[in-house]
N, C-alpha and C. Protein backbone atom coordinates (compact mmCIF):
# COMPACT_ATOMS: atom_id res chain seq x y z
N MET A 1 43.93 -27.63 -2.34
CA MET A 1 42.47 -28.35 -2.47
C MET A 1 41.74 -28.10 -1.67
N LEU A 2 42.42 -27.65 -0.18
CA LEU A 2 41.39 -27.14 0.62
C LEU A 2 41.07 -25.43 0.20
N ARG A 3 41.75 -25.10 -0.49
CA ARG A 3 41.22 -23.51 -0.95
C ARG A 3 40.17 -23.85 -2.26
N LYS A 4 40.20 -24.44 -2.84
CA LYS A 4 39.23 -25.05 -4.05
C LYS A 4 37.76 -25.15 -3.41
N MET A 5 38.09 -26.01 -2.06
CA MET A 5 36.61 -26.00 -1.72
C MET A 5 35.96 -24.74 -1.04
N ARG A 6 37.07 -24.14 -0.26
CA ARG A 6 36.28 -23.02 0.07
C ARG A 6 35.56 -22.06 -0.93
N LEU A 7 36.47 -21.99 -1.67
CA LEU A 7 35.90 -21.10 -2.89
C LEU A 7 34.80 -21.46 -3.73
N SER A 8 34.52 -22.98 -3.44
CA SER A 8 33.77 -23.44 -4.14
C SER A 8 32.17 -22.86 -3.16
N GLY A 9 32.47 -23.52 -1.97
CA GLY A 9 31.56 -23.55 -0.81
C GLY A 9 31.12 -21.60 -0.92
N LEU A 10 31.82 -20.62 -1.44
CA LEU A 10 31.57 -19.60 -1.47
C LEU A 10 31.07 -19.21 -2.50
N THR A 11 31.04 -19.74 -3.54
CA THR A 11 30.47 -19.62 -4.86
C THR A 11 29.13 -19.98 -4.60
N TRP A 12 28.79 -21.61 -3.86
CA TRP A 12 27.16 -22.48 -3.52
C TRP A 12 26.43 -21.18 -3.22
N THR A 13 27.06 -20.57 -1.93
CA THR A 13 26.80 -19.87 -0.54
C THR A 13 25.94 -18.65 -2.00
N LEU A 14 26.86 -17.60 -2.93
CA LEU A 14 26.62 -16.67 -3.49
C LEU A 14 25.48 -16.98 -5.11
N ILE A 15 25.39 -18.37 -4.97
CA ILE A 15 24.42 -18.64 -5.89
C ILE A 15 22.93 -18.79 -5.05
N GLY A 16 23.37 -19.35 -4.01
CA GLY A 16 21.71 -19.13 -3.21
C GLY A 16 21.18 -18.23 -2.94
N ILE A 17 21.94 -16.77 -2.66
CA ILE A 17 21.88 -15.60 -2.15
C ILE A 17 20.86 -15.17 -3.42
N VAL A 18 21.58 -15.52 -4.62
CA VAL A 18 21.07 -14.98 -5.67
C VAL A 18 19.59 -15.95 -6.10
N ILE A 19 19.57 -16.48 -6.00
CA ILE A 19 18.48 -17.25 -6.65
C ILE A 19 17.00 -17.11 -5.16
N LEU A 20 17.33 -17.25 -3.55
CA LEU A 20 16.75 -16.60 -2.98
C LEU A 20 16.36 -15.43 -3.29
N GLY A 21 17.45 -14.19 -3.65
CA GLY A 21 16.83 -12.77 -4.23
C GLY A 21 15.50 -12.49 -5.50
N ILE A 22 15.71 -13.84 -6.17
CA ILE A 22 15.24 -13.54 -7.84
C ILE A 22 13.91 -14.39 -7.20
N LEU A 23 13.55 -15.16 -6.70
CA LEU A 23 12.54 -15.83 -5.78
C LEU A 23 11.79 -15.09 -4.88
N LEU A 24 12.28 -14.40 -4.16
CA LEU A 24 11.79 -13.07 -3.27
C LEU A 24 11.21 -12.11 -4.18
N ARG A 25 11.69 -11.63 -5.16
CA ARG A 25 11.31 -11.09 -6.14
C ARG A 25 9.76 -11.24 -7.07
N LEU A 26 10.00 -12.03 -7.46
CA LEU A 26 8.98 -13.07 -8.14
C LEU A 26 7.71 -13.10 -7.51
N PHE A 27 7.84 -13.42 -5.93
CA PHE A 27 6.90 -14.15 -5.31
C PHE A 27 6.19 -13.90 -4.37
N VAL A 28 7.30 -12.46 -3.73
CA VAL A 28 6.81 -12.08 -2.29
C VAL A 28 6.71 -10.23 -2.43
N LEU A 29 7.82 -10.15 -2.74
CA LEU A 29 8.35 -8.64 -2.30
C LEU A 29 8.42 -8.30 -3.83
N GLN A 30 7.49 -6.39 -3.84
CA GLN A 30 7.72 -5.96 -5.14
C GLN A 30 7.99 -4.60 -5.06
N PRO A 31 8.91 -3.81 -5.43
CA PRO A 31 9.14 -2.84 -5.36
C PRO A 31 8.39 -1.92 -6.51
N TYR A 32 8.14 -0.80 -5.93
CA TYR A 32 7.32 0.36 -6.41
C TYR A 32 7.94 1.77 -6.18
N LEU A 33 7.79 2.79 -7.32
CA LEU A 33 8.47 4.41 -7.42
C LEU A 33 7.26 5.14 -7.41
N ILE A 34 7.25 5.89 -5.99
CA ILE A 34 5.61 6.41 -5.85
C ILE A 34 5.90 8.08 -6.73
N PRO A 35 5.25 8.09 -7.68
CA PRO A 35 5.14 9.16 -8.60
C PRO A 35 4.12 10.38 -8.08
N SER A 36 3.43 10.01 -7.46
CA SER A 36 2.52 11.38 -6.87
C SER A 36 2.65 12.06 -5.34
N GLY A 37 1.89 12.91 -5.39
CA GLY A 37 1.98 13.22 -3.66
C GLY A 37 0.47 13.16 -3.15
N SER A 38 0.11 12.20 -3.59
CA SER A 38 -1.18 11.52 -2.82
C SER A 38 -1.18 10.65 -1.45
N MET A 39 0.17 10.61 -1.12
CA MET A 39 0.24 10.04 -0.02
C MET A 39 0.77 10.74 1.02
N GLU A 40 1.33 11.89 0.76
CA GLU A 40 1.98 13.25 1.64
C GLU A 40 1.42 12.73 2.77
N PRO A 41 1.79 13.58 4.24
CA PRO A 41 3.41 13.12 4.52
C PRO A 41 4.01 12.03 4.39
N GLY A 42 3.64 10.96 4.60
CA GLY A 42 4.30 9.94 5.06
C GLY A 42 5.23 9.17 3.90
N ILE A 43 4.32 9.38 2.44
CA ILE A 43 5.34 8.93 1.62
C ILE A 43 5.08 10.05 0.60
N VAL A 44 6.24 10.02 -0.14
CA VAL A 44 6.62 11.23 -0.82
C VAL A 44 6.89 11.14 -2.58
N PRO A 45 6.92 11.80 -3.35
CA PRO A 45 7.24 11.22 -4.66
C PRO A 45 8.81 11.37 -4.80
N GLY A 46 9.07 9.80 -5.13
CA GLY A 46 10.20 9.89 -5.42
C GLY A 46 10.80 8.94 -4.57
N ASP A 47 10.03 8.60 -3.28
CA ASP A 47 10.25 7.04 -2.41
C ASP A 47 9.98 5.92 -3.31
N ARG A 48 11.07 5.13 -3.01
CA ARG A 48 10.90 3.86 -3.48
C ARG A 48 10.22 2.70 -2.28
N ILE A 49 9.25 1.62 -2.31
CA ILE A 49 8.41 1.32 -1.59
C ILE A 49 8.70 -0.14 -2.02
N LEU A 50 8.80 -0.82 -0.90
CA LEU A 50 8.53 -2.75 -1.06
C LEU A 50 7.10 -2.68 -0.47
N VAL A 51 6.40 -3.74 -1.13
CA VAL A 51 5.23 -4.38 -1.27
C VAL A 51 5.08 -5.90 -0.92
N ASN A 52 4.54 -6.46 -0.19
CA ASN A 52 4.37 -7.73 0.06
C ASN A 52 3.42 -8.08 -0.54
N ARG A 53 3.23 -9.15 -1.49
CA ARG A 53 2.59 -9.62 -2.62
C ARG A 53 1.65 -10.58 -1.96
N GLN A 54 2.16 -11.10 -0.68
CA GLN A 54 1.58 -12.34 -0.28
C GLN A 54 0.62 -12.21 1.05
N SER A 55 0.47 -10.92 1.30
CA SER A 55 -0.06 -10.31 2.53
C SER A 55 -1.55 -10.70 2.73
N TYR A 56 -2.33 -10.67 1.87
CA TYR A 56 -3.32 -10.89 1.77
C TYR A 56 -4.12 -12.29 1.40
N ARG A 57 -2.98 -13.10 1.13
CA ARG A 57 -3.37 -14.64 0.75
C ARG A 57 -4.04 -15.51 1.64
N LEU A 58 -4.05 -15.13 3.22
CA LEU A 58 -4.45 -16.15 4.20
C LEU A 58 -5.95 -15.56 4.86
N GLY A 59 -5.49 -13.62 4.54
CA GLY A 59 -6.36 -12.74 5.17
C GLY A 59 -6.62 -11.93 4.80
N ALA A 60 -7.62 -10.84 5.28
CA ALA A 60 -8.43 -10.12 4.48
C ALA A 60 -7.62 -8.50 4.71
N PRO A 61 -7.42 -7.66 3.41
CA PRO A 61 -7.25 -6.43 3.81
C PRO A 61 -8.04 -6.14 5.03
N SER A 62 -6.92 -5.13 6.08
CA SER A 62 -7.61 -4.40 7.09
C SER A 62 -7.67 -2.69 7.31
N ARG A 63 -8.18 -1.95 7.96
CA ARG A 63 -8.36 -0.75 7.64
C ARG A 63 -7.01 0.15 8.23
N GLY A 64 -6.50 0.82 7.62
CA GLY A 64 -5.30 1.22 7.95
C GLY A 64 -4.02 0.97 6.83
N ASP A 65 -4.39 -0.15 6.37
CA ASP A 65 -3.32 -0.60 5.79
C ASP A 65 -3.21 0.12 4.44
N ILE A 66 -2.06 0.31 3.99
CA ILE A 66 -1.50 0.78 2.68
C ILE A 66 -1.11 -0.38 1.72
N VAL A 67 -1.96 0.25 0.88
CA VAL A 67 -1.84 -0.94 -0.09
C VAL A 67 -1.31 -0.49 -1.90
N VAL A 68 -0.98 -1.04 -2.62
CA VAL A 68 -0.62 -0.86 -3.95
C VAL A 68 -1.89 -1.46 -4.55
N PHE A 69 -2.66 -1.05 -5.61
CA PHE A 69 -3.56 -1.71 -6.20
C PHE A 69 -3.71 -1.36 -8.07
N ALA A 70 -4.18 -2.31 -8.55
CA ALA A 70 -4.09 -1.91 -9.96
C ALA A 70 -5.87 -0.96 -10.10
N TYR A 71 -5.27 0.38 -10.75
CA TYR A 71 -6.39 1.63 -11.11
C TYR A 71 -7.17 1.05 -11.59
N PRO A 72 -8.40 1.08 -10.85
CA PRO A 72 -10.29 0.24 -11.40
C PRO A 72 -10.17 0.66 -13.01
N ARG A 73 -9.82 2.17 -13.01
CA ARG A 73 -10.39 2.70 -14.69
C ARG A 73 -9.28 2.37 -15.50
N ASP A 74 -8.23 1.90 -15.00
CA ASP A 74 -7.34 1.27 -15.84
C ASP A 74 -5.96 0.59 -15.43
N PRO A 75 -6.56 -0.79 -15.32
CA PRO A 75 -5.33 -1.93 -14.50
C PRO A 75 -4.21 -1.66 -14.93
N SER A 76 -3.56 -0.99 -16.09
CA SER A 76 -2.36 -1.05 -16.14
C SER A 76 -1.29 -0.03 -15.28
N ARG A 77 -2.16 0.58 -14.71
CA ARG A 77 -1.57 1.25 -14.12
C ARG A 77 -1.71 0.95 -12.49
N SER A 78 -0.88 1.36 -11.72
CA SER A 78 -1.08 0.85 -10.34
C SER A 78 -1.09 2.29 -9.30
N PHE A 79 -1.80 1.95 -8.27
CA PHE A 79 -1.87 3.38 -7.51
C PHE A 79 -1.71 3.02 -5.86
N VAL A 80 -1.12 3.93 -5.37
CA VAL A 80 -0.97 3.58 -3.37
C VAL A 80 -1.81 4.00 -3.19
N LYS A 81 -2.46 3.84 -1.67
CA LYS A 81 -3.76 4.31 -1.24
C LYS A 81 -4.08 3.87 0.05
N ARG A 82 -4.33 4.20 1.30
CA ARG A 82 -4.41 3.96 2.60
C ARG A 82 -6.34 3.07 2.79
N ILE A 83 -6.06 2.01 3.19
CA ILE A 83 -7.46 1.90 3.42
C ILE A 83 -8.52 2.40 4.48
N ILE A 84 -9.42 2.97 4.08
CA ILE A 84 -10.32 3.27 5.12
C ILE A 84 -11.48 2.88 5.71
N ALA A 85 -11.94 1.75 5.00
CA ALA A 85 -13.29 1.07 5.46
C ALA A 85 -13.32 -0.24 4.80
N VAL A 86 -13.52 -1.17 5.58
CA VAL A 86 -13.53 -2.51 4.85
C VAL A 86 -15.28 -3.26 4.93
N GLU A 87 -15.23 -4.04 4.28
CA GLU A 87 -16.78 -4.79 3.78
C GLU A 87 -17.44 -4.34 5.12
N GLY A 88 -18.48 -4.15 4.79
CA GLY A 88 -19.63 -3.75 6.16
C GLY A 88 -19.75 -2.69 6.85
N GLU A 89 -18.53 -1.96 6.75
CA GLU A 89 -18.24 -0.79 6.95
C GLU A 89 -19.19 0.35 6.45
N THR A 90 -19.39 1.45 7.40
CA THR A 90 -20.06 2.33 6.56
C THR A 90 -19.12 3.87 6.97
N VAL A 91 -18.59 4.62 5.44
CA VAL A 91 -17.80 5.03 5.70
C VAL A 91 -18.57 6.98 5.68
N GLU A 92 -18.19 7.78 6.04
CA GLU A 92 -18.75 9.20 5.73
C GLU A 92 -17.60 10.05 6.00
N LEU A 93 -17.58 11.07 4.94
CA LEU A 93 -16.39 12.32 5.11
C LEU A 93 -17.27 13.66 5.66
N LYS A 94 -16.97 14.23 6.60
CA LYS A 94 -17.43 15.29 6.66
C LYS A 94 -16.92 16.33 7.96
N ASP A 95 -16.62 17.77 7.45
CA ASP A 95 -16.17 18.25 8.09
C ASP A 95 -14.68 17.88 8.30
N ASN A 96 -14.16 17.68 6.88
CA ASN A 96 -12.60 17.74 6.94
C ASN A 96 -12.18 16.08 7.64
N GLN A 97 -13.25 15.47 8.30
CA GLN A 97 -12.96 14.04 9.45
C GLN A 97 -13.90 13.02 8.84
N VAL A 98 -13.16 11.96 8.52
CA VAL A 98 -13.70 10.41 8.63
C VAL A 98 -14.35 9.58 9.48
N PHE A 99 -15.55 9.24 9.31
CA PHE A 99 -16.43 8.76 10.28
C PHE A 99 -16.63 7.01 9.69
N ILE A 100 -16.68 6.09 10.69
CA ILE A 100 -17.05 4.85 10.43
C ILE A 100 -17.64 4.40 11.25
N ASN A 101 -19.34 4.21 10.68
CA ASN A 101 -20.21 3.89 11.57
C ASN A 101 -20.26 4.31 12.43
N GLY A 102 -20.28 6.16 12.26
CA GLY A 102 -20.60 6.96 13.03
C GLY A 102 -19.37 7.44 13.96
N GLN A 103 -18.44 6.60 14.56
CA GLN A 103 -17.42 7.05 14.84
C GLN A 103 -16.41 7.97 14.44
N LEU A 104 -16.15 8.51 15.15
CA LEU A 104 -14.87 9.35 14.14
C LEU A 104 -13.32 8.68 14.42
N VAL A 105 -12.44 8.81 13.20
CA VAL A 105 -11.49 7.94 12.84
C VAL A 105 -10.51 8.85 13.23
N ASP A 106 -9.61 8.48 14.18
CA ASP A 106 -8.16 9.30 14.56
C ASP A 106 -7.05 8.77 13.33
N GLU A 107 -6.79 9.75 12.79
CA GLU A 107 -6.03 9.72 11.02
C GLU A 107 -4.73 10.41 11.47
N PRO A 108 -3.67 10.33 12.81
CA PRO A 108 -2.52 11.13 12.66
C PRO A 108 -1.35 11.35 11.52
N TYR A 109 -1.49 10.25 10.17
CA TYR A 109 -0.63 10.45 9.08
C TYR A 109 -1.49 11.47 8.09
N LEU A 110 -2.19 12.07 8.45
CA LEU A 110 -3.22 13.00 7.75
C LEU A 110 -2.40 14.30 7.30
N LYS A 111 -2.14 14.39 6.06
CA LYS A 111 -1.91 15.88 5.56
C LYS A 111 -3.01 16.89 5.90
N ALA A 112 -2.79 17.77 6.49
CA ALA A 112 -3.81 18.91 6.83
C ALA A 112 -4.46 19.39 5.83
N GLY A 113 -5.41 19.92 5.19
CA GLY A 113 -6.32 20.30 4.40
C GLY A 113 -7.80 20.62 4.19
N ASP A 114 -8.23 20.93 3.66
CA ASP A 114 -9.66 20.82 3.30
C ASP A 114 -10.05 20.00 2.41
N TYR A 115 -11.33 19.38 2.16
CA TYR A 115 -11.47 18.04 1.12
C TYR A 115 -12.83 18.37 1.25
N PRO A 116 -13.32 17.99 0.09
CA PRO A 116 -15.44 17.80 0.26
C PRO A 116 -15.74 16.64 1.07
N PRO A 117 -16.79 16.95 1.50
CA PRO A 117 -17.74 15.74 2.23
C PRO A 117 -18.02 14.68 1.36
N PHE A 118 -18.10 13.66 1.62
CA PHE A 118 -18.56 12.62 0.73
C PHE A 118 -19.51 11.58 1.92
N GLY A 119 -21.28 11.30 1.11
CA GLY A 119 -21.91 10.91 2.02
C GLY A 119 -21.55 9.34 2.41
N ALA A 120 -22.84 9.23 3.26
CA ALA A 120 -22.87 7.98 3.98
C ALA A 120 -22.71 6.94 3.04
N GLU A 121 -21.55 5.42 2.93
CA GLU A 121 -21.46 4.47 1.63
C GLU A 121 -21.45 3.11 2.75
N THR A 122 -22.18 2.02 2.64
CA THR A 122 -21.43 1.04 3.14
C THR A 122 -20.91 0.40 2.51
N ILE A 123 -19.82 -0.53 2.98
CA ILE A 123 -18.92 -1.22 1.66
C ILE A 123 -19.61 -2.91 1.20
N PRO A 124 -19.39 -3.11 0.34
CA PRO A 124 -19.53 -4.38 -0.30
C PRO A 124 -19.05 -5.33 0.22
N LYS A 125 -19.53 -6.67 0.18
CA LYS A 125 -18.47 -7.48 0.05
C LYS A 125 -17.46 -7.35 -0.80
N ASP A 126 -16.23 -8.14 -0.26
CA ASP A 126 -15.16 -8.06 -1.07
C ASP A 126 -14.72 -6.88 -1.61
N ASN A 127 -15.05 -5.78 -0.60
CA ASN A 127 -14.24 -4.66 -1.00
C ASN A 127 -13.77 -3.52 -0.23
N VAL A 128 -13.04 -2.60 -0.45
CA VAL A 128 -12.51 -1.63 0.71
C VAL A 128 -12.50 0.17 0.02
N PHE A 129 -12.69 0.75 0.80
CA PHE A 129 -12.20 2.09 0.26
C PHE A 129 -11.12 2.60 0.82
N VAL A 130 -10.66 2.77 -0.32
CA VAL A 130 -9.42 4.02 0.01
C VAL A 130 -9.27 5.01 -0.07
N LEU A 131 -8.35 6.06 0.25
CA LEU A 131 -7.89 7.30 0.52
C LEU A 131 -6.53 7.81 0.41
N GLY A 132 -5.80 8.84 -0.08
CA GLY A 132 -4.77 9.13 0.09
C GLY A 132 -5.02 10.01 1.36
N ASP A 133 -3.57 9.80 1.71
CA ASP A 133 -3.25 10.76 2.98
C ASP A 133 -3.21 12.46 2.68
N ASN A 134 -3.02 12.50 1.70
CA ASN A 134 -3.30 14.19 1.31
C ASN A 134 -4.23 14.11 0.22
N ARG A 135 -5.30 14.33 0.92
CA ARG A 135 -6.80 14.27 0.76
C ARG A 135 -7.23 15.30 -0.45
N ARG A 136 -6.62 16.23 -0.46
CA ARG A 136 -6.70 17.55 -1.61
C ARG A 136 -6.27 16.95 -2.67
N GLN A 137 -5.20 16.27 -3.09
CA GLN A 137 -4.89 15.75 -4.05
C GLN A 137 -4.43 14.27 -4.92
N SER A 138 -5.39 13.58 -4.29
CA SER A 138 -5.91 12.40 -4.32
C SER A 138 -7.13 11.62 -5.43
N GLU A 139 -6.79 11.08 -6.34
CA GLU A 139 -7.45 10.60 -6.86
C GLU A 139 -7.95 9.10 -6.14
N ASP A 140 -9.26 9.01 -5.86
CA ASP A 140 -9.13 7.63 -4.80
C ASP A 140 -10.67 7.05 -4.62
N SER A 141 -10.82 6.55 -3.93
CA SER A 141 -12.54 6.16 -3.67
C SER A 141 -13.80 6.69 -3.91
N ARG A 142 -13.15 8.33 -3.31
CA ARG A 142 -14.65 9.61 -3.65
C ARG A 142 -14.64 9.50 -4.71
N GLU A 143 -13.42 9.59 -6.10
CA GLU A 143 -14.14 9.64 -7.33
C GLU A 143 -14.12 8.39 -8.03
N TRP A 144 -14.31 7.13 -7.67
CA TRP A 144 -14.35 5.66 -8.56
C TRP A 144 -15.09 4.59 -7.82
N GLY A 145 -15.24 4.96 -6.65
CA GLY A 145 -15.66 3.96 -5.77
C GLY A 145 -15.16 3.01 -5.27
N VAL A 146 -15.71 2.10 -4.30
CA VAL A 146 -14.88 1.29 -3.83
C VAL A 146 -14.26 0.36 -5.03
N LEU A 147 -13.00 -0.29 -3.96
CA LEU A 147 -12.20 -1.49 -4.84
C LEU A 147 -12.18 -2.59 -4.44
N PRO A 148 -12.01 -3.34 -5.41
CA PRO A 148 -12.68 -5.14 -5.01
C PRO A 148 -11.56 -5.66 -4.75
N HIS A 149 -11.69 -6.50 -3.77
CA HIS A 149 -10.03 -7.04 -3.15
C HIS A 149 -9.08 -7.57 -4.15
N ASN A 150 -9.88 -8.24 -5.52
CA ASN A 150 -8.91 -9.04 -6.54
C ASN A 150 -7.88 -7.46 -7.19
N TYR A 151 -8.07 -6.34 -7.10
CA TYR A 151 -7.22 -5.81 -7.73
C TYR A 151 -5.78 -4.97 -6.73
N ILE A 152 -6.21 -5.71 -5.42
CA ILE A 152 -5.18 -5.26 -4.84
C ILE A 152 -3.93 -6.09 -4.85
N ILE A 153 -2.69 -5.64 -4.79
CA ILE A 153 -1.31 -6.05 -5.47
C ILE A 153 -0.89 -6.60 -4.19
N GLY A 154 -0.69 -5.79 -2.67
CA GLY A 154 -0.21 -6.09 -2.09
C GLY A 154 -0.19 -4.98 -1.03
N LYS A 155 0.30 -5.30 0.25
CA LYS A 155 0.52 -4.35 1.10
C LYS A 155 1.59 -3.70 1.61
N ALA A 156 1.81 -2.43 1.07
CA ALA A 156 3.35 -1.36 1.25
C ALA A 156 3.71 -1.92 2.89
N VAL A 157 5.17 -2.40 2.88
CA VAL A 157 5.71 -2.65 3.81
C VAL A 157 6.74 -1.69 4.21
N MET A 158 7.43 -0.77 3.38
CA MET A 158 8.72 -0.12 4.11
C MET A 158 9.06 0.50 2.57
N ILE A 159 9.54 1.86 3.02
CA ILE A 159 10.27 2.65 2.56
C ILE A 159 11.76 2.41 2.58
N TYR A 160 12.47 2.01 0.95
CA TYR A 160 13.83 1.29 1.07
C TYR A 160 14.79 2.49 0.22
N TYR A 161 14.03 3.37 0.04
CA TYR A 161 14.96 4.37 -0.67
C TYR A 161 14.02 5.85 -0.76
N PRO A 162 14.51 6.88 -0.95
CA PRO A 162 16.24 7.13 -0.53
C PRO A 162 16.59 6.99 0.33
N LEU A 163 17.75 6.46 1.27
CA LEU A 163 18.44 5.45 2.26
C LEU A 163 18.09 6.81 3.36
N GLN A 164 17.89 7.99 3.60
CA GLN A 164 17.72 9.01 4.80
C GLN A 164 16.09 8.55 5.16
N ARG A 165 15.35 8.02 4.28
CA ARG A 165 13.84 8.04 4.33
C ARG A 165 13.58 6.57 4.61
N ILE A 166 14.66 5.39 4.92
CA ILE A 166 14.03 4.04 5.26
C ILE A 166 13.53 4.19 6.50
N LYS A 167 12.38 3.51 6.43
CA LYS A 167 11.15 3.15 7.47
C LYS A 167 10.44 2.56 7.09
N LEU A 168 9.69 1.91 8.41
CA LEU A 168 8.26 0.69 8.04
C LEU A 168 7.06 1.45 8.30
N LEU A 169 6.22 0.61 6.95
CA LEU A 169 4.97 2.02 6.93
C LEU A 169 3.99 0.87 7.86
N ARG A 170 3.22 1.59 8.53
CA ARG A 170 1.99 1.48 9.25
C ARG A 170 1.08 2.44 8.88
């Protein structure tokens, strides 16, 4: 009888873990496979990332956040980029550097290389300006404009696969 109770307790524990996993997957964390090199060197093709879908329920996106969003030209596709400027800020790209409100932004995550300048643009309310870390191979706000907040699916929080690349994203 004692053995039956232990088995029953173990069974309920496993059922609880499975239900918790399903709820987390449905409402909080969502996995994504990275298909392109637009976020190299930090995130590379083949990486699998976890995205927190609840990140912006109570707060606004911040500069530097890596986000997954519905592509504005085809919302059935999702992209991963870094937020470079938020509402009210003026962004400008010149001499392979980013300036926000006239101040140079330190970007240690950036893949080196030349990329074209982008004229000063002030980000409207409830929008962000996103760029890939590999600016030479990134389709981003320079091409299709600012990204409305409601297109953001969530904040990328970690690479979970391949195992040798597991890390938190910042």
